[in-house]
All heavy atoms as atom14 arrays in JSON, in Angstrom:
{
  "sequence": "AGVHWRLNKKYYADSVKGRFTIGRVAAENTVWLQMDAL",
  "atom14_mask": [
    [1, 1, 1, 1, 1, 0, 0, 0, 0, 0, 0, 0, 0, 0],
    [1, 1, 1, 1, 0, 0, 0, 0, 0, 0, 0, 0, 0, 0],
    [1, 1, 1, 1, 1, 1, 1, 0, 0, 0, 0, 0, 0, 0],
    [1, 1, 1, 1, 1, 1, 1, 1, 1, 1, 0, 0, 0, 0],
    [1, 1, 1, 1, 1, 1, 1, 1, 1, 1, 1, 1, 1, 1],
    [1, 1, 1, 1, 1, 1, 1, 1, 1, 1, 1, 0, 0, 0],
    [1, 1, 1, 1, 1, 1, 1, 1, 0, 0, 0, 0, 0, 0],
    [1, 1, 1, 1, 1, 1, 1, 1, 0, 0, 0, 0, 0, 0],
    [1, 1, 1, 1, 1, 1, 1, 1, 1, 0, 0, 0, 0, 0],
    [1, 1, 1, 1, 1, 1, 1, 1, 1, 0, 0, 0, 0, 0],
    [1, 1, 1, 1, 1, 1, 1, 1, 1, 1, 1, 1, 0, 0],
    [1, 1, 1, 1, 1, 1, 1, 1, 1, 1, 1, 1, 0, 0],
    [1, 1, 1, 1, 1, 0, 0, 0, 0, 0, 0, 0, 0, 0],
    [1, 1, 1, 1, 1, 1, 1, 1, 0, 0, 0, 0, 0, 0],
    [1, 1, 1, 1, 1, 1, 0, 0, 0, 0, 0, 0, 0, 0],
    [1, 1, 1, 1, 1, 1, 1, 0, 0, 0, 0, 0, 0, 0],
    [1, 1, 1, 1, 1, 1, 1, 1, 1, 0, 0, 0, 0, 0],
    [1, 1, 1, 1, 0, 0, 0, 0, 0, 0, 0, 0, 0, 0],
    [1, 1, 1, 1, 1, 1, 1, 1, 1, 1, 1, 0, 0, 0],
    [1, 1, 1, 1, 1, 1, 1, 1, 1, 1, 1, 0, 0, 0],
    [1, 1, 1, 1, 1, 1, 1, 0, 0, 0, 0, 0, 0, 0],
    [1, 1, 1, 1, 1, 1, 1, 1, 0, 0, 0, 0, 0, 0],
    [1, 1, 1, 1, 0, 0, 0, 0, 0, 0, 0, 0, 0, 0],
    [1, 1, 1, 1, 1, 1, 1, 1, 1, 1, 1, 0, 0, 0],
    [1, 1, 1, 1, 1, 1, 1, 0, 0, 0, 0, 0, 0, 0],
    [1, 1, 1, 1, 1, 0, 0, 0, 0, 0, 0, 0, 0, 0],
    [1, 1, 1, 1, 1, 0, 0, 0, 0, 0, 0, 0, 0, 0],
    [1, 1, 1, 1, 1, 1, 1, 1, 1, 0, 0, 0, 0, 0],
    [1, 1, 1, 1, 1, 1, 1, 1, 0, 0, 0, 0, 0, 0],
    [1, 1, 1, 1, 1, 1, 1, 0, 0, 0, 0, 0, 0, 0],
    [1, 1, 1, 1, 1, 1, 1, 0, 0, 0, 0, 0, 0, 0],
    [1, 1, 1, 1, 1, 1, 1, 1, 1, 1, 1, 1, 1, 1],
    [1, 1, 1, 1, 1, 1, 1, 1, 0, 0, 0, 0, 0, 0],
    [1, 1, 1, 1, 1, 1, 1, 1, 1, 0, 0, 0, 0, 0],
    [1, 1, 1, 1, 1, 1, 1, 1, 0, 0, 0, 0, 0, 0],
    [1, 1, 1, 1, 1, 1, 1, 1, 0, 0, 0, 0, 0, 0],
    [1, 1, 1, 1, 1, 0, 0, 0, 0, 0, 0, 0, 0, 0],
    [1, 1, 1, 1, 1, 1, 1, 1, 0, 0, 0, 0, 0, 0]
  ],
  "atom14_positions": [
    [[50.48, -20.37, -5.51], [49.21, -21.1, -5.55], [48.3, -20.56, -4.46], [48.77, -20.01, -3.45], [49.42, -22.61, -5.33], [0.0, 0.0, 0.0], [0.0, 0.0, 0.0], [0.0, 0.0, 0.0], [0.0, 0.0, 0.0], [0.0, 0.0, 0.0], [0.0, 0.0, 0.0], [0.0, 0.0, 0.0], [0.0, 0.0, 0.0], [0.0, 0.0, 0.0]],
    [[47.0, -20.71, -4.67], [46.06, -20.25, -3.67], [44.82, -21.12, -3.64], [44.5, -21.81, -4.63], [0.0, 0.0, 0.0], [0.0, 0.0, 0.0], [0.0, 0.0, 0.0], [0.0, 0.0, 0.0], [0.0, 0.0, 0.0], [0.0, 0.0, 0.0], [0.0, 0.0, 0.0], [0.0, 0.0, 0.0], [0.0, 0.0, 0.0], [0.0, 0.0, 0.0]],
    [[44.12, -21.11, -2.5], [42.89, -21.88, -2.36], [41.87, -21.02, -1.64], [42.2, -20.34, -0.65], [43.14, -23.2, -1.61], [43.73, -22.97, -0.22], [41.87, -24.03, -1.53], [0.0, 0.0, 0.0], [0.0, 0.0, 0.0], [0.0, 0.0, 0.0], [0.0, 0.0, 0.0], [0.0, 0.0, 0.0], [0.0, 0.0, 0.0], [0.0, 0.0, 0.0]],
    [[40.64, -21.01, -2.17], [39.56, -20.31, -1.51], [38.99, -21.22, -0.42], [38.7, -22.39, -0.68], [38.47, -19.95, -2.51], [37.39, -19.07, -1.95], [36.34, -19.58, -1.21], [37.22, -17.73, -2.0], [35.56, -18.59, -0.83], [36.06, -17.46, -1.3], [0.0, 0.0, 0.0], [0.0, 0.0, 0.0], [0.0, 0.0, 0.0], [0.0, 0.0, 0.0]],
    [[38.87, -20.66, 0.78], [38.57, -21.49, 1.91], [37.21, -22.2, 1.8], [37.11, -23.39, 2.05], [38.61, -20.68, 3.19], [38.78, -21.51, 4.42], [37.85, -21.78, 5.37], [39.95, -22.26, 4.77], [38.37, -22.63, 6.32], [39.66, -22.94, 5.97], [41.2, -22.41, 4.19], [40.59, -23.74, 6.62], [42.14, -23.23, 4.85], [41.82, -23.87, 6.01]],
    [[36.15, -21.47, 1.43], [34.81, -22.09, 1.38], [34.59, -22.84, 0.07], [34.09, -23.95, 0.05], [33.74, -21.03, 1.55], [32.29, -21.56, 1.45], [31.26, -20.46, 1.71], [31.36, -19.36, 0.77], [30.8, -19.36, -0.43], [30.12, -20.42, -0.84], [30.91, -18.32, -1.24], [0.0, 0.0, 0.0], [0.0, 0.0, 0.0], [0.0, 0.0, 0.0]],
    [[35.0, -22.26, -1.04], [34.72, -22.83, -2.35], [35.68, -23.98, -2.68], [35.38, -24.78, -3.57], [34.83, -21.77, -3.44], [33.87, -20.57, -3.32], [34.2, -19.54, -4.38], [32.43, -21.02, -3.43], [0.0, 0.0, 0.0], [0.0, 0.0, 0.0], [0.0, 0.0, 0.0], [0.0, 0.0, 0.0], [0.0, 0.0, 0.0], [0.0, 0.0, 0.0]],
    [[36.83, -23.99, -1.97], [37.89, -24.96, -2.3], [38.33, -24.83, -3.76], [38.79, -25.8, -4.38], [37.46, -26.4, -2.0], [38.65, -27.33, -1.82], [39.75, -26.89, -1.48], [38.43, -28.6, -2.07], [0.0, 0.0, 0.0], [0.0, 0.0, 0.0], [0.0, 0.0, 0.0], [0.0, 0.0, 0.0], [0.0, 0.0, 0.0], [0.0, 0.0, 0.0]],
    [[38.21, -23.63, -4.29], [38.71, -23.36, -5.65], [40.19, -23.06, -5.56], [40.63, -22.39, -4.63], [37.95, -22.16, -6.23], [38.28, -21.81, -7.66], [37.4, -20.71, -8.15], [37.79, -20.29, -9.57], [37.54, -21.36, -10.54], [0.0, 0.0, 0.0], [0.0, 0.0, 0.0], [0.0, 0.0, 0.0], [0.0, 0.0, 0.0], [0.0, 0.0, 0.0]],
    [[40.94, -23.54, -6.55], [42.39, -23.42, -6.51], [42.9, -22.72, -7.75], [42.31, -22.82, -8.82], [43.01, -24.81, -6.35], [42.54, -25.51, -5.09], [42.75, -26.99, -5.15], [42.08, -27.66, -3.94], [42.26, -29.12, -3.97], [0.0, 0.0, 0.0], [0.0, 0.0, 0.0], [0.0, 0.0, 0.0], [0.0, 0.0, 0.0], [0.0, 0.0, 0.0]],
    [[44.04, -22.07, -7.59], [44.65, -21.33, -8.7], [46.16, -21.45, -8.56], [46.69, -21.39, -7.45], [44.2, -19.89, -8.65], [44.65, -19.06, -9.82], [44.06, -19.21, -11.08], [45.67, -18.12, -9.68], [44.46, -18.45, -12.14], [46.07, -17.37, -10.74], [45.47, -17.51, -11.98], [45.86, -16.78, -13.05], [0.0, 0.0, 0.0], [0.0, 0.0, 0.0]],
    [[46.82, -21.63, -9.7], [48.27, -21.83, -9.72], [48.95, -20.87, -10.65], [48.42, -20.51, -11.72], [48.59, -23.26, -10.15], [48.03, -24.33, -9.26], [46.78, -24.89, -9.49], [48.76, -24.79, -8.15], [46.28, -25.86, -8.65], [48.26, -25.77, -7.33], [47.01, -26.3, -7.57], [46.51, -27.26, -6.75], [0.0, 0.0, 0.0], [0.0, 0.0, 0.0]],
    [[50.17, -20.52, -10.31], [51.03, -19.81, -11.27], [51.41, -20.77, -12.37], [51.56, -21.98, -12.17], [52.27, -19.29, -10.55], [0.0, 0.0, 0.0], [0.0, 0.0, 0.0], [0.0, 0.0, 0.0], [0.0, 0.0, 0.0], [0.0, 0.0, 0.0], [0.0, 0.0, 0.0], [0.0, 0.0, 0.0], [0.0, 0.0, 0.0], [0.0, 0.0, 0.0]],
    [[51.61, -20.23, -13.56], [51.96, -21.08, -14.7], [53.24, -21.87, -14.45], [53.39, -22.99, -14.91], [52.13, -20.23, -15.96], [50.8, -19.71, -16.48], [49.74, -20.28, -16.11], [50.81, -18.75, -17.27], [0.0, 0.0, 0.0], [0.0, 0.0, 0.0], [0.0, 0.0, 0.0], [0.0, 0.0, 0.0], [0.0, 0.0, 0.0], [0.0, 0.0, 0.0]],
    [[54.15, -21.27, -13.7], [55.46, -21.9, -13.49], [55.38, -23.19, -12.67], [56.31, -24.0, -12.69], [56.42, -20.91, -12.81], [55.89, -20.49, -11.58], [0.0, 0.0, 0.0], [0.0, 0.0, 0.0], [0.0, 0.0, 0.0], [0.0, 0.0, 0.0], [0.0, 0.0, 0.0], [0.0, 0.0, 0.0], [0.0, 0.0, 0.0], [0.0, 0.0, 0.0]],
    [[54.28, -23.39, -11.92], [54.17, -24.58, -11.07], [52.99, -25.46, -11.43], [52.83, -26.54, -10.86], [54.08, -24.18, -9.57], [55.25, -23.27, -9.18], [52.74, -23.51, -9.25], [0.0, 0.0, 0.0], [0.0, 0.0, 0.0], [0.0, 0.0, 0.0], [0.0, 0.0, 0.0], [0.0, 0.0, 0.0], [0.0, 0.0, 0.0], [0.0, 0.0, 0.0]],
    [[52.19, -25.0, -12.36], [50.99, -25.77, -12.76], [51.39, -27.15, -13.23], [52.31, -27.3, -14.04], [50.23, -25.01, -13.83], [48.77, -25.37, -13.96], [48.09, -24.44, -14.97], [48.05, -23.0, -14.45], [47.33, -22.1, -15.39], [0.0, 0.0, 0.0], [0.0, 0.0, 0.0], [0.0, 0.0, 0.0], [0.0, 0.0, 0.0], [0.0, 0.0, 0.0]],
    [[50.69, -28.16, -12.7], [51.02, -29.53, -13.07], [52.08, -30.18, -12.19], [52.24, -31.41, -12.23], [0.0, 0.0, 0.0], [0.0, 0.0, 0.0], [0.0, 0.0, 0.0], [0.0, 0.0, 0.0], [0.0, 0.0, 0.0], [0.0, 0.0, 0.0], [0.0, 0.0, 0.0], [0.0, 0.0, 0.0], [0.0, 0.0, 0.0], [0.0, 0.0, 0.0]],
    [[52.79, -29.39, -11.41], [53.83, -29.93, -10.52], [53.46, -29.73, -9.06], [53.79, -30.61, -8.22], [55.16, -29.26, -10.78], [55.71, -29.48, -12.17], [57.16, -28.99, -12.28], [57.29, -27.57, -12.0], [58.04, -27.06, -11.02], [58.75, -27.86, -10.23], [58.12, -25.75, -10.84], [0.0, 0.0, 0.0], [0.0, 0.0, 0.0], [0.0, 0.0, 0.0]],
    [[52.83, -28.63, -8.74], [52.47, -28.31, -7.35], [50.96, -28.5, -7.16], [50.17, -28.24, -8.07], [52.82, -26.86, -7.01], [54.3, -26.57, -6.89], [55.26, -27.48, -7.33], [54.71, -25.38, -6.32], [56.62, -27.21, -7.21], [56.06, -25.08, -6.2], [57.01, -25.99, -6.65], [0.0, 0.0, 0.0], [0.0, 0.0, 0.0], [0.0, 0.0, 0.0]],
    [[50.59, -28.91, -5.95], [49.19, -29.09, -5.61], [48.94, -28.43, -4.26], [49.66, -28.7, -3.29], [48.81, -30.57, -5.52], [49.14, -31.23, -6.76], [47.31, -30.74, -5.26], [0.0, 0.0, 0.0], [0.0, 0.0, 0.0], [0.0, 0.0, 0.0], [0.0, 0.0, 0.0], [0.0, 0.0, 0.0], [0.0, 0.0, 0.0], [0.0, 0.0, 0.0]],
    [[47.91, -27.61, -4.22], [47.52, -26.95, -2.96], [46.25, -27.61, -2.45], [45.41, -28.03, -3.24], [47.34, -25.44, -3.14], [47.18, -24.74, -1.79], [46.15, -25.14, -4.04], [47.21, -23.21, -1.88], [0.0, 0.0, 0.0], [0.0, 0.0, 0.0], [0.0, 0.0, 0.0], [0.0, 0.0, 0.0], [0.0, 0.0, 0.0], [0.0, 0.0, 0.0]],
    [[46.15, -27.71, -1.15], [44.95, -28.27, -0.54], [44.76, -27.69, 0.85], [45.66, -27.02, 1.4], [0.0, 0.0, 0.0], [0.0, 0.0, 0.0], [0.0, 0.0, 0.0], [0.0, 0.0, 0.0], [0.0, 0.0, 0.0], [0.0, 0.0, 0.0], [0.0, 0.0, 0.0], [0.0, 0.0, 0.0], [0.0, 0.0, 0.0], [0.0, 0.0, 0.0]],
    [[43.58, -27.94, 1.39], [43.31, -27.45, 2.74], [42.56, -28.51, 3.53], [41.83, -29.31, 2.97], [42.52, -26.16, 2.71], [41.16, -26.31, 2.01], [40.13, -25.53, 2.71], [38.82, -25.51, 2.14], [37.97, -26.52, 2.04], [38.35, -27.72, 2.41], [36.76, -26.36, 1.58], [0.0, 0.0, 0.0], [0.0, 0.0, 0.0], [0.0, 0.0, 0.0]],
    [[42.79, -28.51, 4.83], [42.06, -29.37, 5.73], [41.3, -28.41, 6.66], [41.87, -27.89, 7.62], [42.97, -30.32, 6.52], [42.16, -31.21, 7.43], [43.82, -31.15, 5.56], [0.0, 0.0, 0.0], [0.0, 0.0, 0.0], [0.0, 0.0, 0.0], [0.0, 0.0, 0.0], [0.0, 0.0, 0.0], [0.0, 0.0, 0.0], [0.0, 0.0, 0.0]],
    [[40.05, -28.16, 6.34], [39.3, -27.13, 7.04], [39.2, -27.41, 8.52], [39.31, -26.51, 9.35], [37.91, -27.01, 6.41], [0.0, 0.0, 0.0], [0.0, 0.0, 0.0], [0.0, 0.0, 0.0], [0.0, 0.0, 0.0], [0.0, 0.0, 0.0], [0.0, 0.0, 0.0], [0.0, 0.0, 0.0], [0.0, 0.0, 0.0], [0.0, 0.0, 0.0]],
    [[39.01, -28.67, 8.88], [38.83, -29.02, 10.29], [40.09, -28.73, 11.11], [40.01, -28.54, 12.32], [38.45, -30.47, 10.43], [0.0, 0.0, 0.0], [0.0, 0.0, 0.0], [0.0, 0.0, 0.0], [0.0, 0.0, 0.0], [0.0, 0.0, 0.0], [0.0, 0.0, 0.0], [0.0, 0.0, 0.0], [0.0, 0.0, 0.0], [0.0, 0.0, 0.0]],
    [[41.23, -28.69, 10.43], [42.48, -28.44, 11.13], [43.03, -27.05, 10.84], [44.15, -26.73, 11.26], [43.52, -29.51, 10.72], [43.1, -30.93, 11.1], [44.1, -31.96, 10.62], [45.14, -31.58, 10.05], [43.84, -33.17, 10.81], [0.0, 0.0, 0.0], [0.0, 0.0, 0.0], [0.0, 0.0, 0.0], [0.0, 0.0, 0.0], [0.0, 0.0, 0.0]],
    [[42.29, -26.26, 10.08], [42.76, -24.91, 9.72], [44.16, -24.94, 9.08], [44.99, -24.1, 9.38], [42.81, -23.99, 10.94], [41.51, -23.25, 11.15], [40.61, -23.3, 10.29], [41.39, -22.55, 12.23], [0.0, 0.0, 0.0], [0.0, 0.0, 0.0], [0.0, 0.0, 0.0], [0.0, 0.0, 0.0], [0.0, 0.0, 0.0], [0.0, 0.0, 0.0]],
    [[44.37, -25.93, 8.23], [45.7, -26.12, 7.67], [45.63, -26.09, 6.14], [44.69, -26.61, 5.53], [46.27, -27.47, 8.1], [46.4, -27.47, 9.52], [47.64, -27.73, 7.48], [0.0, 0.0, 0.0], [0.0, 0.0, 0.0], [0.0, 0.0, 0.0], [0.0, 0.0, 0.0], [0.0, 0.0, 0.0], [0.0, 0.0, 0.0], [0.0, 0.0, 0.0]],
    [[46.61, -25.48, 5.54], [46.78, -25.47, 4.09], [48.12, -26.12, 3.78], [49.11, -25.83, 4.46], [46.72, -24.04, 3.53], [47.02, -24.03, 2.04], [45.36, -23.43, 3.81], [0.0, 0.0, 0.0], [0.0, 0.0, 0.0], [0.0, 0.0, 0.0], [0.0, 0.0, 0.0], [0.0, 0.0, 0.0], [0.0, 0.0, 0.0], [0.0, 0.0, 0.0]],
    [[48.15, -26.97, 2.79], [49.41, -27.62, 2.44], [49.74, -27.35, 0.97], [48.88, -26.99, 0.17], [49.36, -29.11, 2.74], [48.14, -29.82, 2.24], [46.99, -30.08, 2.95], [47.91, -30.38, 0.95], [46.08, -30.74, 2.17], [46.62, -30.95, 0.93], [48.68, -30.46, -0.21], [46.1, -31.59, -0.19], [48.16, -31.08, -1.36], [46.87, -31.64, -1.3]],
    [[50.99, -27.51, 0.65], [51.45, -27.33, -0.72], [52.38, -28.5, -1.02], [53.48, -28.57, -0.48], [52.18, -26.0, -0.91], [52.67, -25.74, -2.32], [51.51, -25.43, -3.25], [53.66, -24.56, -2.34], [0.0, 0.0, 0.0], [0.0, 0.0, 0.0], [0.0, 0.0, 0.0], [0.0, 0.0, 0.0], [0.0, 0.0, 0.0], [0.0, 0.0, 0.0]],
    [[51.94, -29.4, -1.85], [52.77, -30.52, -2.3], [53.49, -30.12, -3.55], [52.89, -29.73, -4.55], [51.92, -31.77, -2.55], [52.77, -32.98, -2.98], [51.96, -34.24, -3.1], [51.1, -34.54, -2.25], [52.2, -35.02, -4.14], [0.0, 0.0, 0.0], [0.0, 0.0, 0.0], [0.0, 0.0, 0.0], [0.0, 0.0, 0.0], [0.0, 0.0, 0.0]],
    [[54.81, -30.22, -3.48], [55.65, -29.8, -4.59], [56.35, -31.0, -5.18], [57.28, -31.55, -4.58], [56.68, -28.76, -4.1], [56.03, -27.58, -3.36], [57.21, -26.32, -2.84], [58.15, -27.21, -1.61], [0.0, 0.0, 0.0], [0.0, 0.0, 0.0], [0.0, 0.0, 0.0], [0.0, 0.0, 0.0], [0.0, 0.0, 0.0], [0.0, 0.0, 0.0]],
    [[55.86, -31.45, -6.33], [56.43, -32.6, -7.03], [57.39, -32.12, -8.12], [57.35, -30.97, -8.56], [55.31, -33.42, -7.67], [54.38, -34.03, -6.64], [54.86, -34.45, -5.56], [53.16, -34.11, -6.92], [0.0, 0.0, 0.0], [0.0, 0.0, 0.0], [0.0, 0.0, 0.0], [0.0, 0.0, 0.0], [0.0, 0.0, 0.0], [0.0, 0.0, 0.0]],
    [[58.22, -33.03, -8.56], [59.14, -32.76, -9.67], [59.88, -31.43, -9.45], [59.94, -30.59, -10.35], [58.36, -32.74, -10.99], [0.0, 0.0, 0.0], [0.0, 0.0, 0.0], [0.0, 0.0, 0.0], [0.0, 0.0, 0.0], [0.0, 0.0, 0.0], [0.0, 0.0, 0.0], [0.0, 0.0, 0.0], [0.0, 0.0, 0.0], [0.0, 0.0, 0.0]],
    [[60.44, -31.29, -8.28], [61.13, -30.05, -7.93], [62.27, -29.78, -8.88], [62.96, -30.7, -9.35], [61.61, -30.09, -6.49], [60.54, -29.87, -5.43], [61.03, -30.31, -4.06], [60.13, -28.41, -5.39], [0.0, 0.0, 0.0], [0.0, 0.0, 0.0], [0.0, 0.0, 0.0], [0.0, 0.0, 0.0], [0.0, 0.0, 0.0], [0.0, 0.0, 0.0]]
  ]
}
């Protein structure tokens, strides 16, 4: 998965789409990946 820093646009591999969520907290310079239904 990936996230564009300014646009906040996200893209996922087909194998994780619908189960994984990527996000970023710009103020903290942090990117997270929530992995559900592992």
